[in-house]
Amino acid sequence: MNLGGTQILLDPGPGSLVYAIKHKCEPPQLSAIILSHKHLDHSVDINVMIEAMTDGGWKPRGCLFAPSDAFNNGAVIFPYLQKYPQKVELLEEGKQYSVGGVEFSTPVKHIHQVETYGFVFRTPTHKFSWITDTRVFNDLASHYKAELVIINVLSLESRLPVDHLSLRDAELIIKEIRPKMAVLTHFGLTMWPVKPWEIESKVSEDTGVRVIAARDGMKLDLDEVT
């Protein structure tokens, strides 16, 4: 994300460095790296990106935000790299954080196999939220009310006991939040056959909200949301 010149990388999964360079996002210009949880599809390149953000540790810079179990109890962030950022903060339920001109909160701990948080971001002009991996639970939507909501949707139908949201879960969340726009992402194998980019119009019609299925390399201007 580039929010008023504050550049933030979220969940550096496989190929993050390659994609960053491809899309002309220079790692040394990062203000922060935020990790929602330590599963490999979200974290496998986090050590690479910490190295890239700090020029291999020669130029300490940036902030690192992650749950406590990313640093211990099966850590995914190498101990020697934890000294490279200028600031390291643990994510906790109900806490507020800031970097540059951006504030964000982790309103509630998610129901997932490891310690996981979603985010509500605020800038002087925008508020948007990201519902990361979780099983649906009471009051989930109430924590993420914003003009734009981004939702991780793994499957077409509910796959309990898998701790992820289905498309039906996402539709109900969108109807409750009533954002100006919703973006669906993090598609699993049961989503790809239905071609999410072809059903976004139906989901938009069903929810009464403009819904977009994320695509690789897609850019979103927050000013267009409002």
C-alpha atoms as a PDB file:
ATOM      1  CA  MET A   1       0.000   0.000   0.000  1.00  0.00           C
ATOM      2  CA  ASN A   2       1.058   3.569  -0.670  1.00  0.00           C
ATOM      3  CA  LEU A   3      -0.911   5.870   1.624  1.00  0.00           C
ATOM      4  CA  GLY A   4       0.178   9.464   1.337  1.00  0.00           C
ATOM      5  CA  GLY A   5       3.794   8.404   0.803  1.00  0.00           C
ATOM      6  CA  THR A   6       3.756   5.812   3.592  1.00  0.00           C
ATOM      7  CA  GLN A   7       4.463   2.461   1.927  1.00  0.00           C
ATOM      8  CA  ILE A   8       3.353  -0.678   3.760  1.00  0.00           C
ATOM      9  CA  LEU A   9       3.755  -4.306   2.748  1.00  0.00           C
ATOM     10  CA  LEU A  10       1.093  -6.725   3.988  1.00  0.00           C
ATOM     11  CA  ASP A  11       1.647 -10.469   4.388  1.00  0.00           C
ATOM     12  CA  PRO A  12       4.771 -11.116   2.265  1.00  0.00           C
ATOM     13  CA  GLY A  13       3.964 -14.579   0.918  1.00  0.00           C
ATOM     14  CA  PRO A  14       5.772 -16.507  -1.846  1.00  0.00           C
ATOM     15  CA  GLY A  15       7.415 -14.320  -4.465  1.00  0.00           C
ATOM     16  CA  SER A  16       6.913 -11.003  -2.661  1.00  0.00           C
ATOM     17  CA  LEU A  17      10.311  -9.640  -3.616  1.00  0.00           C
ATOM     18  CA  VAL A  18       9.897 -10.611  -7.261  1.00  0.00           C
ATOM     19  CA  TYR A  19       6.436  -9.072  -7.475  1.00  0.00           C
ATOM     20  CA  ALA A  20       7.579  -5.926  -5.667  1.00  0.00           C
ATOM     21  CA  ILE A  21      10.348  -5.335  -8.209  1.00  0.00           C
ATOM     22  CA  LYS A  22       8.044  -6.220 -11.108  1.00  0.00           C
ATOM     23  CA  HIS A  23       5.551  -3.584 -10.035  1.00  0.00           C
ATOM     24  CA  LYS A  24       8.252  -0.994  -9.270  1.00  0.00           C
ATOM     25  CA  CYS A  25       7.740  -1.087  -5.498  1.00  0.00           C
ATOM     26  CA  GLU A  26      11.226  -0.529  -4.131  1.00  0.00           C
ATOM     27  CA  PRO A  27      11.730  -2.429  -0.817  1.00  0.00           C
ATOM     28  CA  PRO A  28      14.126   0.203   0.640  1.00  0.00           C
ATOM     29  CA  GLN A  29      11.251   2.685   0.457  1.00  0.00           C
ATOM     30  CA  LEU A  30       9.020   0.597   2.709  1.00  0.00           C
ATOM     31  CA  SER A  31       7.851   2.226   5.923  1.00  0.00           C
ATOM     32  CA  ALA A  32       6.560  -1.019   7.423  1.00  0.00           C
ATOM     33  CA  ILE A  33       5.891  -4.712   6.984  1.00  0.00           C
ATOM     34  CA  ILE A  34       2.724  -6.079   8.607  1.00  0.00           C
ATOM     35  CA  LEU A  35       2.116  -9.796   9.099  1.00  0.00           C
ATOM     36  CA  SER A  36      -1.412 -10.955   9.936  1.00  0.00           C
ATOM     37  CA  HIS A  37      -0.282 -14.481  10.854  1.00  0.00           C
ATOM     38  CA  LYS A  38       2.568 -16.902  10.310  1.00  0.00           C
ATOM     39  CA  HIS A  39       1.130 -19.417   7.839  1.00  0.00           C
ATOM     40  CA  LEU A  40       3.536 -19.811   4.950  1.00  0.00           C
ATOM     41  CA  ASP A  41       1.254 -18.475   2.221  1.00  0.00           C
ATOM     42  CA  HIS A  42       1.341 -15.199   4.154  1.00  0.00           C
ATOM     43  CA  SER A  43       4.855 -15.213   5.608  1.00  0.00           C
ATOM     44  CA  VAL A  44       7.286 -17.242   3.522  1.00  0.00           C
ATOM     45  CA  ASP A  45       9.082 -14.150   2.149  1.00  0.00           C
ATOM     46  CA  ILE A  46       9.013 -12.057   5.312  1.00  0.00           C
ATOM     47  CA  ASN A  47      12.696 -12.616   6.079  1.00  0.00           C
ATOM     48  CA  VAL A  48      13.622 -11.772   2.492  1.00  0.00           C
ATOM     49  CA  MET A  49      11.609  -8.557   2.643  1.00  0.00           C
ATOM     50  CA  ILE A  50      13.095  -7.511   5.989  1.00  0.00           C
ATOM     51  CA  GLU A  51      16.531  -7.938   4.414  1.00  0.00           C
ATOM     52  CA  ALA A  52      15.442  -5.966   1.348  1.00  0.00           C
ATOM     53  CA  MET A  53      13.827  -3.173   3.378  1.00  0.00           C
ATOM     54  CA  THR A  54      16.989  -2.665   5.438  1.00  0.00           C
ATOM     55  CA  ASP A  55      19.669  -3.296   2.798  1.00  0.00           C
ATOM     56  CA  GLY A  56      20.656  -6.507   4.527  1.00  0.00           C
ATOM     57  CA  GLY A  57      20.698  -4.801   7.911  1.00  0.00           C
ATOM     58  CA  TRP A  58      23.234  -2.165   6.891  1.00  0.00           C
ATOM     59  CA  LYS A  59      20.576   0.553   6.959  1.00  0.00           C
ATOM     60  CA  PRO A  60      18.111  -0.116   9.811  1.00  0.00           C
ATOM     61  CA  ARG A  61      14.772   1.319   8.779  1.00  0.00           C
ATOM     62  CA  GLY A  62      11.079   0.684   8.828  1.00  0.00           C
ATOM     63  CA  CYS A  63       8.729  -1.004  11.272  1.00  0.00           C
ATOM     64  CA  LEU A  64       7.777  -4.641  11.651  1.00  0.00           C
ATOM     65  CA  PHE A  65       4.377  -5.631  13.069  1.00  0.00           C
ATOM     66  CA  ALA A  66       3.529  -9.295  13.693  1.00  0.00           C
ATOM     67  CA  PRO A  67       1.813 -11.615  16.199  1.00  0.00           C
ATOM     68  CA  SER A  68       3.920 -12.949  19.043  1.00  0.00           C
ATOM     69  CA  ASP A  69       3.987 -16.515  17.717  1.00  0.00           C
ATOM     70  CA  ALA A  70       5.750 -15.300  14.567  1.00  0.00           C
ATOM     71  CA  PHE A  71       8.763 -14.634  16.817  1.00  0.00           C
ATOM     72  CA  ASN A  72       8.552 -17.688  19.082  1.00  0.00           C
ATOM     73  CA  ASN A  73       6.879 -21.076  19.388  1.00  0.00           C
ATOM     74  CA  GLY A  74       7.598 -22.062  15.802  1.00  0.00           C
ATOM     75  CA  ALA A  75       8.891 -18.672  14.718  1.00  0.00           C
ATOM     76  CA  VAL A  76       8.901 -17.663  11.042  1.00  0.00           C
ATOM     77  CA  ILE A  77      10.948 -14.467  11.563  1.00  0.00           C
ATOM     78  CA  PHE A  78      14.619 -15.278  12.051  1.00  0.00           C
ATOM     79  CA  PRO A  79      16.030 -13.921  15.357  1.00  0.00           C
ATOM     80  CA  TYR A  80      18.984 -12.135  13.750  1.00  0.00           C
ATOM     81  CA  LEU A  81      16.640 -10.187  11.455  1.00  0.00           C
ATOM     82  CA  GLN A  82      14.557  -8.861  14.317  1.00  0.00           C
ATOM     83  CA  LYS A  83      17.240  -6.247  14.982  1.00  0.00           C
ATOM     84  CA  TYR A  84      17.170  -4.879  11.431  1.00  0.00           C
ATOM     85  CA  PRO A  85      13.971  -2.761  11.501  1.00  0.00           C
ATOM     86  CA  GLN A  86      13.981   0.449  13.509  1.00  0.00           C
ATOM     87  CA  LYS A  87      10.919  -0.714  15.413  1.00  0.00           C
ATOM     88  CA  VAL A  88       9.326  -4.099  16.092  1.00  0.00           C
ATOM     89  CA  GLU A  89       5.849  -4.293  17.632  1.00  0.00           C
ATOM     90  CA  LEU A  90       3.709  -7.260  18.616  1.00  0.00           C
ATOM     91  CA  LEU A  91       0.145  -7.339  17.360  1.00  0.00           C
ATOM     92  CA  GLU A  92      -2.473  -7.821  20.055  1.00  0.00           C
ATOM     93  CA  GLU A  93      -6.241  -7.795  20.207  1.00  0.00           C
ATOM     94  CA  GLY A  94      -7.796  -4.349  20.522  1.00  0.00           C
ATOM     95  CA  LYS A  95      -4.571  -2.359  20.113  1.00  0.00           C
ATOM     96  CA  GLN A  96      -3.815   0.745  18.049  1.00  0.00           C
ATOM     97  CA  TYR A  97      -0.664   1.278  15.987  1.00  0.00           C
ATOM     98  CA  SER A  98       0.764   3.978  13.735  1.00  0.00           C
ATOM     99  CA  VAL A  99       3.378   4.339  11.025  1.00  0.00           C
ATOM    100  CA  GLY A 100       3.978   7.544   9.103  1.00  0.00           C
ATOM    101  CA  GLY A 101       0.596   9.204   8.664  1.00  0.00           C
ATOM    102  CA  VAL A 102      -1.284   5.929   8.885  1.00  0.00           C
ATOM    103  CA  GLU A 103      -3.035   4.536  11.943  1.00  0.00           C
ATOM    104  CA  PHE A 104      -4.354   1.001  12.183  1.00  0.00           C
ATOM    105  CA  SER A 105      -5.921  -1.277  14.732  1.00  0.00           C
ATOM    106  CA  THR A 106      -6.302  -5.008  15.320  1.00  0.00           C
ATOM    107  CA  PRO A 107      -9.835  -5.005  16.703  1.00  0.00           C
ATOM    108  CA  VAL A 108     -10.330  -8.695  17.434  1.00  0.00           C
ATOM    109  CA  LYS A 109      -8.384 -11.956  17.469  1.00  0.00           C
ATOM    110  CA  HIS A 110      -9.535 -14.249  14.685  1.00  0.00           C
ATOM    111  CA  ILE A 111     -10.512 -17.908  14.900  1.00  0.00           C
ATOM    112  CA  HIS A 112      -7.681 -19.550  13.012  1.00  0.00           C
ATOM    113  CA  GLN A 113      -5.096 -22.259  13.613  1.00  0.00           C
ATOM    114  CA  VAL A 114      -2.461 -19.727  14.660  1.00  0.00           C
ATOM    115  CA  GLU A 115      -2.565 -16.247  16.201  1.00  0.00           C
ATOM    116  CA  THR A 116      -4.234 -14.104  13.553  1.00  0.00           C
ATOM    117  CA  TYR A 117      -5.513 -10.534  13.269  1.00  0.00           C
ATOM    118  CA  GLY A 118      -7.393  -8.433  10.770  1.00  0.00           C
ATOM    119  CA  PHE A 119      -6.906  -4.686  10.404  1.00  0.00           C
ATOM    120  CA  VAL A 120      -8.728  -1.380  10.238  1.00  0.00           C
ATOM    121  CA  PHE A 121      -6.623   1.322   8.575  1.00  0.00           C
ATOM    122  CA  ARG A 122      -7.165   5.056   8.922  1.00  0.00           C
ATOM    123  CA  THR A 123      -5.572   7.962   7.091  1.00  0.00           C
ATOM    124  CA  PRO A 124      -6.578  11.632   7.276  1.00  0.00           C
ATOM    125  CA  THR A 125      -8.992  11.015   4.373  1.00  0.00           C
ATOM    126  CA  HIS A 126      -9.867   7.303   4.323  1.00  0.00           C
ATOM    127  CA  LYS A 127     -10.887   4.349   6.456  1.00  0.00           C
ATOM    128  CA  PHE A 128     -10.741   0.780   5.162  1.00  0.00           C
ATOM    129  CA  SER A 129     -10.546  -2.678   6.655  1.00  0.00           C
ATOM    130  CA  TRP A 130      -9.085  -6.061   5.836  1.00  0.00           C
ATOM    131  CA  ILE A 131     -10.673  -9.240   7.172  1.00  0.00           C
ATOM    132  CA  THR A 132      -7.900 -11.808   7.018  1.00  0.00           C
ATOM    133  CA  ASP A 133      -8.121 -15.571   7.503  1.00  0.00           C
ATOM    134  CA  THR A 134     -10.729 -16.630  10.043  1.00  0.00           C
ATOM    135  CA  ARG A 135     -13.749 -18.773  10.695  1.00  0.00           C
ATOM    136  CA  VAL A 136     -16.937 -16.712  10.837  1.00  0.00           C
ATOM    137  CA  PHE A 137     -18.008 -15.783  14.366  1.00  0.00           C
ATOM    138  CA  ASN A 138     -20.556 -13.565  16.088  1.00  0.00           C
ATOM    139  CA  ASP A 139     -19.925  -9.821  15.668  1.00  0.00           C
ATOM    140  CA  LEU A 140     -17.089 -10.378  13.168  1.00  0.00           C
ATOM    141  CA  ALA A 141     -18.490  -7.805  10.745  1.00  0.00           C
ATOM    142  CA  SER A 142     -19.063  -5.204  13.465  1.00  0.00           C
ATOM    143  CA  HIS A 143     -15.309  -4.868  14.016  1.00  0.00           C
ATOM    144  CA  TYR A 144     -14.573  -3.982  10.386  1.00  0.00           C
ATOM    145  CA  LYS A 145     -17.055  -1.262   9.407  1.00  0.00           C
ATOM    146  CA  ALA A 146     -15.463   1.000   6.791  1.00  0.00           C
ATOM    147  CA  GLU A 147     -16.026   2.544   3.362  1.00  0.00           C
ATOM    148  CA  LEU A 148     -13.904  -0.213   1.818  1.00  0.00           C
ATOM    149  CA  VAL A 149     -13.631  -3.764   3.139  1.00  0.00           C
ATOM    150  CA  ILE A 150     -11.207  -6.385   1.822  1.00  0.00           C
ATOM    151  CA  ILE A 151     -12.143  -9.977   2.632  1.00  0.00           C
ATOM    152  CA  ASN A 152     -10.120 -13.182   2.384  1.00  0.00           C
ATOM    153  CA  VAL A 153     -12.441 -15.754   0.789  1.00  0.00           C
ATOM    154  CA  LEU A 154     -11.045 -19.263   0.558  1.00  0.00           C
ATOM    155  CA  SER A 155     -13.962 -21.339  -0.670  1.00  0.00           C
ATOM    156  CA  LEU A 156     -17.240 -21.232  -2.543  1.00  0.00           C
ATOM    157  CA  GLU A 157     -19.117 -23.148   0.178  1.00  0.00           C
ATOM    158  CA  SER A 158     -18.461 -23.440   3.910  1.00  0.00           C
ATOM    159  CA  ARG A 159     -15.842 -26.104   4.632  1.00  0.00           C
ATOM    160  CA  LEU A 160     -16.033 -26.568   8.392  1.00  0.00           C
ATOM    161  CA  PRO A 161     -13.927 -27.230  10.373  1.00  0.00           C
ATOM    162  CA  VAL A 162     -11.629 -25.203   8.075  1.00  0.00           C
ATOM    163  CA  ASP A 163     -11.014 -21.797   9.691  1.00  0.00           C
ATOM    164  CA  HIS A 164     -11.642 -19.703   6.581  1.00  0.00           C
ATOM    165  CA  LEU A 165     -14.492 -17.699   5.118  1.00  0.00           C
ATOM    166  CA  SER A 166     -16.669 -18.883   2.251  1.00  0.00           C
ATOM    167  CA  LEU A 167     -18.250 -16.738  -0.436  1.00  0.00           C
ATOM    168  CA  ARG A 168     -21.578 -16.968   1.400  1.00  0.00           C
ATOM    169  CA  ASP A 169     -19.899 -15.783   4.609  1.00  0.00           C
ATOM    170  CA  ALA A 170     -18.442 -12.824   2.706  1.00  0.00           C
ATOM    171  CA  GLU A 171     -21.825 -11.895   1.254  1.00  0.00           C
ATOM    172  CA  LEU A 172     -23.399 -11.811   4.710  1.00  0.00           C
ATOM    173  CA  ILE A 173     -20.520  -9.707   6.054  1.00  0.00           C
ATOM    174  CA  ILE A 174     -20.847  -7.245   3.169  1.00  0.00           C
ATOM    175  CA  LYS A 175     -24.605  -6.932   3.741  1.00  0.00           C
ATOM    176  CA  GLU A 176     -24.003  -6.148   7.408  1.00  0.00           C
ATOM    177  CA  ILE A 177     -21.167  -3.666   6.922  1.00  0.00           C
ATOM    178  CA  ARG A 178     -22.668  -1.948   3.853  1.00  0.00           C
ATOM    179  CA  PRO A 179     -19.356  -0.497   2.611  1.00  0.00           C
ATOM    180  CA  LYS A 180     -19.088   1.574  -0.536  1.00  0.00           C
ATOM    181  CA  MET A 181     -16.903  -1.148  -2.040  1.00  0.00           C
ATOM    182  CA  ALA A 182     -15.785  -4.672  -1.158  1.00  0.00           C
ATOM    183  CA  VAL A 183     -12.798  -6.538  -2.563  1.00  0.00           C
ATOM    184  CA  LEU A 184     -12.630 -10.338  -2.416  1.00  0.00           C
ATOM    185  CA  THR A 185      -9.222 -12.035  -2.419  1.00  0.00           C
ATOM    186  CA  HIS A 186      -7.253 -15.089  -1.189  1.00  0.00           C
ATOM    187  CA  PHE A 187      -9.142 -17.565  -3.392  1.00  0.00           C
ATOM    188  CA  GLY A 188      -8.775 -21.300  -2.838  1.00  0.00           C
ATOM    189  CA  LEU A 189      -9.169 -24.167  -5.286  1.00  0.00           C
ATOM    190  CA  THR A 190     -12.963 -24.269  -5.109  1.00  0.00           C
ATOM    191  CA  MET A 191     -13.177 -20.591  -6.056  1.00  0.00           C
ATOM    192  CA  TRP A 192     -11.063 -20.695  -9.200  1.00  0.00           C
ATOM    193  CA  PRO A 193     -13.386 -22.960 -11.255  1.00  0.00           C
ATOM    194  CA  VAL A 194     -16.265 -20.462 -10.863  1.00  0.00           C
ATOM    195  CA  LYS A 195     -13.975 -17.630 -12.061  1.00  0.00           C
ATOM    196  CA  PRO A 196     -14.403 -14.998  -9.314  1.00  0.00           C
ATOM    197  CA  TRP A 197     -13.984 -12.129 -11.772  1.00  0.00           C
ATOM    198  CA  GLU A 198     -17.074 -13.408 -13.631  1.00  0.00           C
ATOM    199  CA  ILE A 199     -19.335 -13.688 -10.563  1.00  0.00           C
ATOM    200  CA  GLU A 200     -18.453 -10.333  -9.000  1.00  0.00           C
ATOM    201  CA  SER A 201     -21.438  -8.701 -10.726  1.00  0.00           C
ATOM    202  CA  LYS A 202     -23.824 -11.289  -9.242  1.00  0.00           C
ATOM    203  CA  VAL A 203     -22.362 -10.779  -5.771  1.00  0.00           C
ATOM    204  CA  SER A 204     -22.715  -7.027  -6.265  1.00  0.00           C
ATOM    205  CA  GLU A 205     -26.373  -7.495  -7.228  1.00  0.00           C
ATOM    206  CA  ASP A 206     -27.071  -9.808  -4.289  1.00  0.00           C
ATOM    207  CA  THR A 207     -25.452  -7.505  -1.714  1.00  0.00           C
ATOM    208  CA  GLY A 208     -26.281  -4.092  -3.179  1.00  0.00           C
ATOM    209  CA  VAL A 209     -22.590  -3.161  -2.854  1.00  0.00           C
ATOM    210  CA  ARG A 210     -19.967  -2.787  -5.554  1.00  0.00           C
ATOM    211  CA  VAL A 211     -17.867  -5.954  -5.258  1.00  0.00           C
ATOM    212  CA  ILE A 212     -14.568  -6.615  -7.042  1.00  0.00           C
ATOM    213  CA  ALA A 213     -12.656  -9.879  -7.267  1.00  0.00           C
ATOM    214  CA  ALA A 214      -8.946  -9.164  -6.827  1.00  0.00           C
ATOM    215  CA  ARG A 215      -6.545  -9.949  -9.653  1.00  0.00           C
ATOM    216  CA  ASP A 216      -2.756 -10.205  -9.681  1.00  0.00           C
ATOM    217  CA  GLY A 217      -1.281  -6.770 -10.309  1.00  0.00           C
ATOM    218  CA  MET A 218      -4.575  -4.965  -9.724  1.00  0.00           C
ATOM    219  CA  LYS A 219      -4.291  -1.385  -8.467  1.00  0.00           C
ATOM    220  CA  LEU A 220      -6.976   0.323  -6.408  1.00  0.00           C
ATOM    221  CA  ASP A 221      -7.190   4.090  -5.895  1.00  0.00           C
ATOM    222  CA  LEU A 222      -8.899   4.834  -2.578  1.00  0.00           C
ATOM    223  CA  ASP A 223     -10.173   8.128  -3.968  1.00  0.00           C
ATOM    224  CA  GLU A 224     -12.234   6.123  -6.469  1.00  0.00           C
ATOM    225  CA  VAL A 225     -13.974   4.309  -3.622  1.00  0.00           C
ATOM    226  CA  THR A 226     -15.469   7.535  -2.325  1.00  0.00           C
END
